[in-house]
Amino acid sequence: MIERNLKSCLAVLCCWMIALGMAYGQRQITGSVTDSETGEPLIGATVAAVGGPVGAVTGLDGRYSVRLD
């Protein structure tokens, strides 16, 4: 009985560790910036994450990628 409870507690602990690791892992945000009137991609537009020093500049196709750690 004690061995069974110990195994159950260990399984729950492992699940929590995996969930926390995924929650605090790296995230990446991608997208594109286009002109609202013509729909053409905006080259060199600055994209910044709110509340952090992270940002990116759009490429020739208007696309960007920001990695949040």
PDB file of N, CA and C in Angstrom:
ATOM      1  N   MET A   1       0.818  -1.190   0.000  1.00  0.00           N
ATOM      2  CA  MET A   1       0.000   0.000   0.000  1.00  0.00           C
ATOM      3  C   MET A   1       0.866   1.259   0.000  1.00  0.00           C
ATOM      4  N   ILE A   2       1.893   1.300   0.848  1.00  0.00           N
ATOM      5  CA  ILE A   2       2.781   2.458   0.912  1.00  0.00           C
ATOM      6  C   ILE A   2       3.542   2.606  -0.404  1.00  0.00           C
ATOM      7  N   GLU A   3       3.950   1.488  -0.978  1.00  0.00           N
ATOM      8  CA  GLU A   3       4.677   1.525  -2.255  1.00  0.00           C
ATOM      9  C   GLU A   3       3.787   2.090  -3.365  1.00  0.00           C
ATOM     10  N   ARG A   4       2.518   1.731  -3.351  1.00  0.00           N
ATOM     11  CA  ARG A   4       1.577   2.223  -4.356  1.00  0.00           C
ATOM     12  C   ARG A   4       1.383   3.738  -4.208  1.00  0.00           C
ATOM     13  N   ASN A   5       1.242   4.235  -2.983  1.00  0.00           N
ATOM     14  CA  ASN A   5       1.104   5.669  -2.754  1.00  0.00           C
ATOM     15  C   ASN A   5       2.362   6.425  -3.165  1.00  0.00           C
ATOM     16  N   LEU A   6       3.512   5.835  -2.898  1.00  0.00           N
ATOM     17  CA  LEU A   6       4.775   6.461  -3.281  1.00  0.00           C
ATOM     18  C   LEU A   6       4.887   6.578  -4.795  1.00  0.00           C
ATOM     19  N   LYS A   7       4.498   5.541  -5.504  1.00  0.00           N
ATOM     20  CA  LYS A   7       4.529   5.578  -6.970  1.00  0.00           C
ATOM     21  C   LYS A   7       3.567   6.638  -7.510  1.00  0.00           C
ATOM     22  N   SER A   8       2.397   6.746  -6.898  1.00  0.00           N
ATOM     23  CA  SER A   8       1.428   7.754  -7.331  1.00  0.00           C
ATOM     24  C   SER A   8       1.965   9.164  -7.102  1.00  0.00           C
ATOM     25  N   CYS A   9       2.569   9.393  -5.951  1.00  0.00           N
ATOM     26  CA  CYS A   9       3.144  10.713  -5.655  1.00  0.00           C
ATOM     27  C   CYS A   9       4.277  11.039  -6.614  1.00  0.00           C
ATOM     28  N   LEU A  10       5.085  10.043  -6.925  1.00  0.00           N
ATOM     29  CA  LEU A  10       6.195  10.253  -7.853  1.00  0.00           C
ATOM     30  C   LEU A  10       5.676  10.586  -9.253  1.00  0.00           C
ATOM     31  N   ALA A  11       4.615   9.916  -9.675  1.00  0.00           N
ATOM     32  CA  ALA A  11       4.029  10.188 -10.994  1.00  0.00           C
ATOM     33  C   ALA A  11       3.474  11.612 -11.056  1.00  0.00           C
ATOM     34  N   VAL A  12       2.795  12.053 -10.006  1.00  0.00           N
ATOM     35  CA  VAL A  12       2.254  13.407  -9.965  1.00  0.00           C
ATOM     36  C   VAL A  12       3.380  14.433  -9.986  1.00  0.00           C
ATOM     37  N   LEU A  13       4.431  14.179  -9.226  1.00  0.00           N
ATOM     38  CA  LEU A  13       5.584  15.084  -9.194  1.00  0.00           C
ATOM     39  C   LEU A  13       6.234  15.202 -10.565  1.00  0.00           C
ATOM     40  N   CYS A  14       6.373  14.103 -11.266  1.00  0.00           N
ATOM     41  CA  CYS A  14       6.957  14.135 -12.614  1.00  0.00           C
ATOM     42  C   CYS A  14       6.084  14.941 -13.576  1.00  0.00           C
ATOM     43  N   CYS A  15       4.779  14.765 -13.481  1.00  0.00           N
ATOM     44  CA  CYS A  15       3.863  15.530 -14.342  1.00  0.00           C
ATOM     45  C   CYS A  15       3.985  17.022 -14.082  1.00  0.00           C
ATOM     46  N   TRP A  16       4.091  17.417 -12.824  1.00  0.00           N
ATOM     47  CA  TRP A  16       4.248  18.830 -12.481  1.00  0.00           C
ATOM     48  C   TRP A  16       5.552  19.386 -13.015  1.00  0.00           C
ATOM     49  N   MET A  17       6.622  18.608 -12.924  1.00  0.00           N
ATOM     50  CA  MET A  17       7.922  19.077 -13.413  1.00  0.00           C
ATOM     51  C   MET A  17       7.887  19.280 -14.922  1.00  0.00           C
ATOM     52  N   ILE A  18       7.249  18.376 -15.639  1.00  0.00           N
ATOM     53  CA  ILE A  18       7.140  18.504 -17.096  1.00  0.00           C
ATOM     54  C   ILE A  18       6.295  19.731 -17.454  1.00  0.00           C
ATOM     55  N   ALA A  19       5.183  19.915 -16.741  1.00  0.00           N
ATOM     56  CA  ALA A  19       4.312  21.061 -17.018  1.00  0.00           C
ATOM     57  C   ALA A  19       5.025  22.378 -16.744  1.00  0.00           C
ATOM     58  N   LEU A  20       5.768  22.462 -15.660  1.00  0.00           N
ATOM     59  CA  LEU A  20       6.505  23.691 -15.357  1.00  0.00           C
ATOM     60  C   LEU A  20       7.591  23.956 -16.392  1.00  0.00           C
ATOM     61  N   GLY A  21       8.264  22.925 -16.832  1.00  0.00           N
ATOM     62  CA  GLY A  21       9.289  23.091 -17.859  1.00  0.00           C
ATOM     63  C   GLY A  21       8.719  23.626 -19.159  1.00  0.00           C
ATOM     64  N   MET A  22       7.545  23.162 -19.516  1.00  0.00           N
ATOM     65  CA  MET A  22       6.911  23.644 -20.740  1.00  0.00           C
ATOM     66  C   MET A  22       6.411  25.069 -20.565  1.00  0.00           C
ATOM     67  N   ALA A  23       5.925  25.409 -19.386  1.00  0.00           N
ATOM     68  CA  ALA A  23       5.403  26.750 -19.141  1.00  0.00           C
ATOM     69  C   ALA A  23       6.500  27.798 -19.158  1.00  0.00           C
ATOM     70  N   TYR A  24       7.683  27.447 -18.705  1.00  0.00           N
ATOM     71  CA  TYR A  24       8.775  28.410 -18.641  1.00  0.00           C
ATOM     72  C   TYR A  24       9.748  28.256 -19.802  1.00  0.00           C
ATOM     73  N   GLY A  25       9.382  27.524 -20.823  1.00  0.00           N
ATOM     74  CA  GLY A  25      10.237  27.339 -21.981  1.00  0.00           C
ATOM     75  C   GLY A  25      10.234  28.556 -22.886  1.00  0.00           C
ATOM     76  N   GLN A  26      11.006  28.470 -23.921  1.00  0.00           N
ATOM     77  CA  GLN A  26      11.094  29.582 -24.862  1.00  0.00           C
ATOM     78  C   GLN A  26       9.848  29.615 -25.741  1.00  0.00           C
ATOM     79  N   ARG A  27       9.436  30.816 -26.088  1.00  0.00           N
ATOM     80  CA  ARG A  27       8.314  31.011 -26.996  1.00  0.00           C
ATOM     81  C   ARG A  27       8.788  31.864 -28.154  1.00  0.00           C
ATOM     82  N   GLN A  28       8.221  31.609 -29.311  1.00  0.00           N
ATOM     83  CA  GLN A  28       8.581  32.383 -30.489  1.00  0.00           C
ATOM     84  C   GLN A  28       7.307  32.918 -31.121  1.00  0.00           C
ATOM     85  N   ILE A  29       7.322  34.200 -31.426  1.00  0.00           N
ATOM     86  CA  ILE A  29       6.184  34.851 -32.067  1.00  0.00           C
ATOM     87  C   ILE A  29       6.613  35.264 -33.469  1.00  0.00           C
ATOM     88  N   THR A  30       5.818  34.898 -34.458  1.00  0.00           N
ATOM     89  CA  THR A  30       6.110  35.271 -35.841  1.00  0.00           C
ATOM     90  C   THR A  30       4.888  35.945 -36.444  1.00  0.00           C
ATOM     91  N   GLY A  31       5.116  36.718 -37.473  1.00  0.00           N
ATOM     92  CA  GLY A  31       4.008  37.382 -38.146  1.00  0.00           C
ATOM     93  C   GLY A  31       4.503  38.234 -39.289  1.00  0.00           C
ATOM     94  N   SER A  32       3.625  39.060 -39.804  1.00  0.00           N
ATOM     95  CA  SER A  32       4.006  39.957 -40.894  1.00  0.00           C
ATOM     96  C   SER A  32       3.320  41.302 -40.688  1.00  0.00           C
ATOM     97  N   VAL A  33       3.939  42.331 -41.234  1.00  0.00           N
ATOM     98  CA  VAL A  33       3.418  43.694 -41.156  1.00  0.00           C
ATOM     99  C   VAL A  33       3.152  44.158 -42.584  1.00  0.00           C
ATOM    100  N   THR A  34       1.906  44.613 -42.822  1.00  0.00           N
ATOM    101  CA  THR A  34       1.538  45.075 -44.161  1.00  0.00           C
ATOM    102  C   THR A  34       0.884  46.452 -44.079  1.00  0.00           C
ATOM    103  N   ASP A  35       0.912  47.144 -45.197  1.00  0.00           N
ATOM    104  CA  ASP A  35       0.255  48.442 -45.308  1.00  0.00           C
ATOM    105  C   ASP A  35      -1.255  48.214 -45.273  1.00  0.00           C
ATOM    106  N   SER A  36      -1.961  48.993 -44.483  1.00  0.00           N
ATOM    107  CA  SER A  36      -3.407  48.780 -44.325  1.00  0.00           C
ATOM    108  C   SER A  36      -4.194  49.146 -45.580  1.00  0.00           C
ATOM    109  N   GLU A  37      -3.656  50.025 -46.413  1.00  0.00           N
ATOM    110  CA  GLU A  37      -4.385  50.439 -47.611  1.00  0.00           C
ATOM    111  C   GLU A  37      -4.070  49.562 -48.814  1.00  0.00           C
ATOM    112  N   THR A  38      -2.778  49.265 -49.029  1.00  0.00           N
ATOM    113  CA  THR A  38      -2.386  48.522 -50.226  1.00  0.00           C
ATOM    114  C   THR A  38      -2.177  47.035 -49.974  1.00  0.00           C
ATOM    115  N   GLY A  39      -1.947  46.654 -48.721  1.00  0.00           N
ATOM    116  CA  GLY A  39      -1.693  45.250 -48.408  1.00  0.00           C
ATOM    117  C   GLY A  39      -0.269  44.820 -48.692  1.00  0.00           C
ATOM    118  N   GLU A  40       0.582  45.746 -49.122  1.00  0.00           N
ATOM    119  CA  GLU A  40       1.971  45.417 -49.423  1.00  0.00           C
ATOM    120  C   GLU A  40       2.764  45.269 -48.124  1.00  0.00           C
ATOM    121  N   PRO A  41       3.774  44.388 -48.116  1.00  0.00           N
ATOM    122  CA  PRO A  41       4.589  44.211 -46.911  1.00  0.00           C
ATOM    123  C   PRO A  41       5.408  45.454 -46.606  1.00  0.00           C
ATOM    124  N   LEU A  42       5.542  45.767 -45.308  1.00  0.00           N
ATOM    125  CA  LEU A  42       6.361  46.902 -44.880  1.00  0.00           C
ATOM    126  C   LEU A  42       7.758  46.409 -44.543  1.00  0.00           C
ATOM    127  N   ILE A  43       8.725  46.934 -45.264  1.00  0.00           N
ATOM    128  CA  ILE A  43      10.131  46.545 -45.084  1.00  0.00           C
ATOM    129  C   ILE A  43      10.741  47.432 -44.006  1.00  0.00           C
ATOM    130  N   GLY A  44      11.425  46.797 -43.034  1.00  0.00           N
ATOM    131  CA  GLY A  44      12.144  47.552 -42.012  1.00  0.00           C
ATOM    132  C   GLY A  44      11.287  48.102 -40.888  1.00  0.00           C
ATOM    133  N   ALA A  45      10.058  47.601 -40.744  1.00  0.00           N
ATOM    134  CA  ALA A  45       9.211  48.041 -39.637  1.00  0.00           C
ATOM    135  C   ALA A  45       9.718  47.412 -38.336  1.00  0.00           C
ATOM    136  N   THR A  46       9.669  48.164 -37.251  1.00  0.00           N
ATOM    137  CA  THR A  46      10.121  47.673 -35.953  1.00  0.00           C
ATOM    138  C   THR A  46       8.954  47.046 -35.206  1.00  0.00           C
ATOM    139  N   VAL A  47       9.175  45.829 -34.685  1.00  0.00           N
ATOM    140  CA  VAL A  47       8.182  45.125 -33.888  1.00  0.00           C
ATOM    141  C   VAL A  47       8.802  44.891 -32.521  1.00  0.00           C
ATOM    142  N   ALA A  48       8.110  45.304 -31.443  1.00  0.00           N
ATOM    143  CA  ALA A  48       8.652  45.157 -30.094  1.00  0.00           C
ATOM    144  C   ALA A  48       7.655  44.444 -29.199  1.00  0.00           C
ATOM    145  N   ALA A  49       8.177  43.644 -28.275  1.00  0.00           N
ATOM    146  CA  ALA A  49       7.341  42.963 -27.286  1.00  0.00           C
ATOM    147  C   ALA A  49       7.045  43.941 -26.154  1.00  0.00           C
ATOM    148  N   VAL A  50       5.807  44.005 -25.732  1.00  0.00           N
ATOM    149  CA  VAL A  50       5.407  44.897 -24.647  1.00  0.00           C
ATOM    150  C   VAL A  50       5.980  44.379 -23.329  1.00  0.00           C
ATOM    151  N   GLY A  51       6.588  45.284 -22.570  1.00  0.00           N
ATOM    152  CA  GLY A  51       7.108  44.916 -21.259  1.00  0.00           C
ATOM    153  C   GLY A  51       8.464  44.258 -21.272  1.00  0.00           C
ATOM    154  N   GLY A  52       9.156  44.293 -22.374  1.00  0.00           N
ATOM    155  CA  GLY A  52      10.469  43.661 -22.426  1.00  0.00           C
ATOM    156  C   GLY A  52      11.365  44.312 -23.446  1.00  0.00           C
ATOM    157  N   PRO A  53      12.656  44.037 -23.363  1.00  0.00           N
ATOM    158  CA  PRO A  53      13.612  44.646 -24.279  1.00  0.00           C
ATOM    159  C   PRO A  53      13.778  43.867 -25.582  1.00  0.00           C
ATOM    160  N   VAL A  54      12.803  43.053 -25.941  1.00  0.00           N
ATOM    161  CA  VAL A  54      12.920  42.188 -27.109  1.00  0.00           C
ATOM    162  C   VAL A  54      12.189  42.807 -28.288  1.00  0.00           C
ATOM    163  N   GLY A  55      12.773  42.665 -29.468  1.00  0.00           N
ATOM    164  CA  GLY A  55      12.125  43.194 -30.649  1.00  0.00           C
ATOM    165  C   GLY A  55      12.742  42.624 -31.907  1.00  0.00           C
ATOM    166  N   ALA A  56      12.205  43.029 -33.049  1.00  0.00           N
ATOM    167  CA  ALA A  56      12.693  42.566 -34.348  1.00  0.00           C
ATOM    168  C   ALA A  56      12.372  43.612 -35.393  1.00  0.00           C
ATOM    169  N   VAL A  57      12.988  43.461 -36.553  1.00  0.00           N
ATOM    170  CA  VAL A  57      12.738  44.327 -37.700  1.00  0.00           C
ATOM    171  C   VAL A  57      12.250  43.435 -38.833  1.00  0.00           C
ATOM    172  N   THR A  58      11.221  43.873 -39.544  1.00  0.00           N
ATOM    173  CA  THR A  58      10.682  43.068 -40.635  1.00  0.00           C
ATOM    174  C   THR A  58      11.675  42.995 -41.791  1.00  0.00           C
ATOM    175  N   GLY A  59      11.606  41.883 -42.497  1.00  0.00           N
ATOM    176  CA  GLY A  59      12.481  41.669 -43.642  1.00  0.00           C
ATOM    177  C   GLY A  59      11.874  42.189 -44.927  1.00  0.00           C
ATOM    178  N   LEU A  60      12.420  41.763 -46.047  1.00  0.00           N
ATOM    179  CA  LEU A  60      11.951  42.214 -47.355  1.00  0.00           C
ATOM    180  C   LEU A  60      10.511  41.788 -47.637  1.00  0.00           C
ATOM    181  N   ASP A  61      10.087  40.712 -46.995  1.00  0.00           N
ATOM    182  CA  ASP A  61       8.721  40.221 -47.200  1.00  0.00           C
ATOM    183  C   ASP A  61       7.764  40.704 -46.112  1.00  0.00           C
ATOM    184  N   GLY A  62       8.229  41.585 -45.209  1.00  0.00           N
ATOM    185  CA  GLY A  62       7.398  42.113 -44.140  1.00  0.00           C
ATOM    186  C   GLY A  62       7.243  41.182 -42.946  1.00  0.00           C
ATOM    187  N   ARG A  63       7.924  40.037 -42.969  1.00  0.00           N
ATOM    188  CA  ARG A  63       7.793  39.051 -41.897  1.00  0.00           C
ATOM    189  C   ARG A  63       8.822  39.299 -40.793  1.00  0.00           C
ATOM    190  N   TYR A  64       8.453  38.897 -39.577  1.00  0.00           N
ATOM    191  CA  TYR A  64       9.334  39.037 -38.414  1.00  0.00           C
ATOM    192  C   TYR A  64       9.226  37.811 -37.527  1.00  0.00           C
ATOM    193  N   SER A  65      10.199  37.654 -36.637  1.00  0.00           N
ATOM    194  CA  SER A  65      10.219  36.574 -35.662  1.00  0.00           C
ATOM    195  C   SER A  65      10.860  37.102 -34.387  1.00  0.00           C
ATOM    196  N   VAL A  66      10.158  36.946 -33.264  1.00  0.00           N
ATOM    197  CA  VAL A  66      10.656  37.412 -31.971  1.00  0.00           C
ATOM    198  C   VAL A  66      10.683  36.230 -31.029  1.00  0.00           C
ATOM    199  N   ARG A  67      11.832  35.970 -30.424  1.00  0.00           N
ATOM    200  CA  ARG A  67      11.958  34.877 -29.451  1.00  0.00           C
ATOM    201  C   ARG A  67      11.888  35.452 -28.046  1.00  0.00           C
ATOM    202  N   LEU A  68      10.938  34.961 -27.267  1.00  0.00           N
ATOM    203  CA  LEU A  68      10.779  35.382 -25.878  1.00  0.00           C
ATOM    204  C   LEU A  68      11.300  34.274 -24.977  1.00  0.00           C
ATOM    205  N   ASP A  69      12.235  34.601 -24.129  1.00  0.00           N
ATOM    206  CA  ASP A  69      12.805  33.594 -23.212  1.00  0.00           C
ATOM    207  C   ASP A  69      12.144  33.660 -21.863  1.00  0.00           C
TER     208      ASP A  69
END
